[in-house]
């Protein structure tokens, strides 16, 4: 998953959505939807524990067309 600043991702464990605030030097800052919390994680973890919202929408479109 190629994630960039401003993308929205979904945590695969708790189902919460986060906005990617900043990616720099292999680290990513994620901010919760309500703006009350932030998470600092390695960019590699985005591929393991998060799903990019664009990817989720593509799956929904495929399912709806069946």
N, C-alpha and C. Protein backbone atom coordinates (compact mmCIF):
# COMPACT_ATOMS: atom_id res chain seq x y z
N UNK A 1 0.86 -1.18 0.00
CA UNK A 1 0.00 0.00 0.00
C UNK A 1 0.90 1.23 0.00
N UNK A 2 0.72 2.09 -0.95
CA UNK A 2 1.45 3.35 -1.00
C UNK A 2 0.58 4.42 -0.34
N UNK A 3 0.97 4.81 0.84
CA UNK A 3 0.20 5.78 1.62
C UNK A 3 0.92 7.11 1.62
N UNK A 4 0.14 8.19 1.56
CA UNK A 4 0.72 9.53 1.55
C UNK A 4 -0.01 10.41 2.55
N UNK A 5 0.55 11.57 2.83
CA UNK A 5 -0.09 12.53 3.73
C UNK A 5 -1.51 12.82 3.25
N UNK A 6 -2.45 12.83 4.19
CA UNK A 6 -3.84 13.14 3.87
C UNK A 6 -4.72 11.93 3.62
N UNK A 7 -4.13 10.76 3.42
CA UNK A 7 -4.92 9.54 3.21
C UNK A 7 -5.64 9.15 4.50
N UNK A 8 -6.72 8.41 4.35
CA UNK A 8 -7.44 7.85 5.48
C UNK A 8 -7.23 6.35 5.50
N UNK A 9 -6.91 5.82 6.68
CA UNK A 9 -6.66 4.39 6.83
C UNK A 9 -7.55 3.84 7.95
N UNK A 10 -7.83 2.55 7.85
CA UNK A 10 -8.64 1.86 8.87
C UNK A 10 -7.78 0.85 9.60
N UNK A 11 -7.80 0.90 10.92
CA UNK A 11 -7.07 -0.07 11.73
C UNK A 11 -7.78 -1.41 11.64
N UNK A 12 -7.07 -2.46 11.29
CA UNK A 12 -7.66 -3.78 11.08
C UNK A 12 -8.04 -4.47 12.39
N UNK A 13 -7.52 -4.01 13.51
CA UNK A 13 -7.83 -4.64 14.80
C UNK A 13 -9.04 -4.01 15.49
N UNK A 14 -9.09 -2.68 15.51
CA UNK A 14 -10.18 -2.02 16.24
C UNK A 14 -11.22 -1.36 15.34
N UNK A 15 -10.98 -1.33 14.03
CA UNK A 15 -11.95 -0.78 13.09
C UNK A 15 -12.02 0.75 13.05
N UNK A 16 -11.13 1.42 13.78
CA UNK A 16 -11.14 2.88 13.82
C UNK A 16 -10.43 3.46 12.60
N UNK A 17 -10.85 4.66 12.21
CA UNK A 17 -10.29 5.36 11.06
C UNK A 17 -9.35 6.46 11.52
N UNK A 18 -8.26 6.61 10.78
CA UNK A 18 -7.24 7.62 11.09
C UNK A 18 -6.84 8.34 9.81
N UNK A 19 -6.51 9.61 9.95
CA UNK A 19 -5.98 10.41 8.86
C UNK A 19 -4.46 10.43 8.98
N UNK A 20 -3.77 10.19 7.87
CA UNK A 20 -2.30 10.25 7.86
C UNK A 20 -1.92 11.73 7.84
N UNK A 21 -1.38 12.20 8.96
CA UNK A 21 -1.02 13.61 9.07
C UNK A 21 0.33 13.90 8.45
N UNK A 22 1.30 13.00 8.65
CA UNK A 22 2.66 13.25 8.16
C UNK A 22 3.42 11.94 8.05
N UNK A 23 4.16 11.79 6.96
CA UNK A 23 5.08 10.67 6.79
C UNK A 23 6.46 11.25 6.54
N UNK A 24 7.42 10.83 7.37
CA UNK A 24 8.79 11.30 7.22
C UNK A 24 9.76 10.32 7.85
N UNK A 25 10.87 10.07 7.19
CA UNK A 25 11.95 9.21 7.70
C UNK A 25 11.45 7.85 8.18
N UNK A 26 10.54 7.25 7.43
CA UNK A 26 10.06 5.92 7.76
C UNK A 26 9.04 5.85 8.87
N UNK A 27 8.58 7.01 9.35
CA UNK A 27 7.59 7.07 10.42
C UNK A 27 6.33 7.78 9.92
N UNK A 28 5.18 7.40 10.49
CA UNK A 28 3.91 8.02 10.12
C UNK A 28 3.18 8.48 11.38
N UNK A 29 2.60 9.68 11.30
CA UNK A 29 1.76 10.20 12.38
C UNK A 29 0.31 10.08 11.90
N UNK A 30 -0.50 9.35 12.67
CA UNK A 30 -1.91 9.16 12.35
C UNK A 30 -2.75 9.90 13.38
N UNK A 31 -3.80 10.58 12.92
CA UNK A 31 -4.70 11.28 13.84
C UNK A 31 -6.08 10.67 13.74
N UNK A 32 -6.70 10.43 14.91
CA UNK A 32 -8.04 9.84 14.94
C UNK A 32 -9.05 10.76 14.29
N UNK A 33 -10.18 10.19 13.90
CA UNK A 33 -11.23 10.98 13.24
C UNK A 33 -11.70 12.15 14.09
N UNK A 34 -11.82 11.92 15.40
CA UNK A 34 -12.30 12.99 16.29
C UNK A 34 -11.21 13.97 16.70
N UNK A 35 -9.96 13.70 16.28
CA UNK A 35 -8.86 14.59 16.57
C UNK A 35 -8.34 14.51 18.00
N UNK A 36 -8.84 13.57 18.78
CA UNK A 36 -8.48 13.47 20.19
C UNK A 36 -7.19 12.70 20.46
N UNK A 37 -6.74 11.90 19.49
CA UNK A 37 -5.53 11.12 19.72
C UNK A 37 -4.70 11.01 18.45
N UNK A 38 -3.41 10.75 18.66
CA UNK A 38 -2.49 10.53 17.56
C UNK A 38 -1.68 9.26 17.82
N UNK A 39 -1.26 8.62 16.74
CA UNK A 39 -0.44 7.42 16.82
C UNK A 39 0.80 7.65 15.98
N UNK A 40 1.94 7.29 16.53
CA UNK A 40 3.20 7.33 15.80
C UNK A 40 3.58 5.88 15.51
N UNK A 41 3.75 5.54 14.24
CA UNK A 41 4.06 4.18 13.85
C UNK A 41 5.03 4.17 12.68
N UNK A 42 5.69 3.05 12.50
CA UNK A 42 6.56 2.90 11.34
C UNK A 42 5.70 2.73 10.09
N UNK A 43 6.18 3.24 8.97
CA UNK A 43 5.45 3.14 7.70
C UNK A 43 5.18 1.68 7.35
N UNK A 44 6.12 0.80 7.66
CA UNK A 44 5.93 -0.63 7.39
C UNK A 44 4.69 -1.18 8.09
N UNK A 45 4.37 -0.65 9.27
CA UNK A 45 3.19 -1.10 10.01
C UNK A 45 1.89 -0.73 9.31
N UNK A 46 1.92 0.31 8.49
CA UNK A 46 0.70 0.68 7.75
C UNK A 46 0.26 -0.47 6.85
N UNK A 47 1.23 -1.17 6.27
CA UNK A 47 0.92 -2.30 5.40
C UNK A 47 0.40 -3.51 6.17
N UNK A 48 0.82 -3.64 7.42
CA UNK A 48 0.45 -4.81 8.21
C UNK A 48 -0.86 -4.64 8.97
N UNK A 49 -1.07 -3.46 9.55
CA UNK A 49 -2.16 -3.28 10.50
C UNK A 49 -3.24 -2.30 10.06
N UNK A 50 -3.10 -1.72 8.87
CA UNK A 50 -4.06 -0.73 8.40
C UNK A 50 -4.45 -1.01 6.96
N UNK A 51 -5.65 -0.56 6.60
CA UNK A 51 -6.14 -0.70 5.23
C UNK A 51 -6.49 0.69 4.72
N UNK A 52 -5.97 1.04 3.57
CA UNK A 52 -6.22 2.35 2.98
C UNK A 52 -7.67 2.44 2.53
N UNK A 53 -8.33 3.55 2.80
CA UNK A 53 -9.75 3.70 2.47
C UNK A 53 -10.03 3.52 0.98
N UNK A 54 -9.13 3.95 0.14
CA UNK A 54 -9.30 3.79 -1.31
C UNK A 54 -9.43 2.31 -1.66
N UNK A 55 -8.64 1.46 -1.01
CA UNK A 55 -8.69 0.02 -1.25
C UNK A 55 -10.03 -0.55 -0.81
N UNK A 56 -10.58 -0.08 0.31
CA UNK A 56 -11.86 -0.55 0.81
C UNK A 56 -12.97 -0.19 -0.17
N UNK A 57 -12.95 1.02 -0.69
CA UNK A 57 -13.99 1.45 -1.63
C UNK A 57 -13.96 0.60 -2.90
N UNK A 58 -12.78 0.24 -3.38
CA UNK A 58 -12.66 -0.57 -4.59
C UNK A 58 -13.30 -1.94 -4.37
N UNK A 59 -13.11 -2.53 -3.21
CA UNK A 59 -13.71 -3.83 -2.91
C UNK A 59 -15.23 -3.70 -2.86
N UNK A 60 -15.74 -2.65 -2.24
CA UNK A 60 -17.20 -2.45 -2.15
C UNK A 60 -17.82 -2.31 -3.54
N UNK A 61 -17.15 -1.60 -4.44
CA UNK A 61 -17.67 -1.43 -5.80
C UNK A 61 -17.73 -2.78 -6.51
N UNK A 62 -16.71 -3.60 -6.35
CA UNK A 62 -16.70 -4.93 -6.96
C UNK A 62 -17.83 -5.79 -6.44
N UNK A 63 -18.06 -5.75 -5.15
CA UNK A 63 -19.12 -6.56 -4.53
C UNK A 63 -20.49 -6.09 -5.00
N UNK A 64 -20.69 -4.78 -5.08
CA UNK A 64 -21.98 -4.23 -5.48
C UNK A 64 -22.32 -4.56 -6.93
N UNK A 65 -21.32 -4.76 -7.75
CA UNK A 65 -21.58 -5.05 -9.17
C UNK A 65 -21.88 -6.52 -9.42
N UNK A 66 -21.68 -7.37 -8.41
CA UNK A 66 -21.95 -8.81 -8.59
C UNK A 66 -23.41 -9.12 -8.64
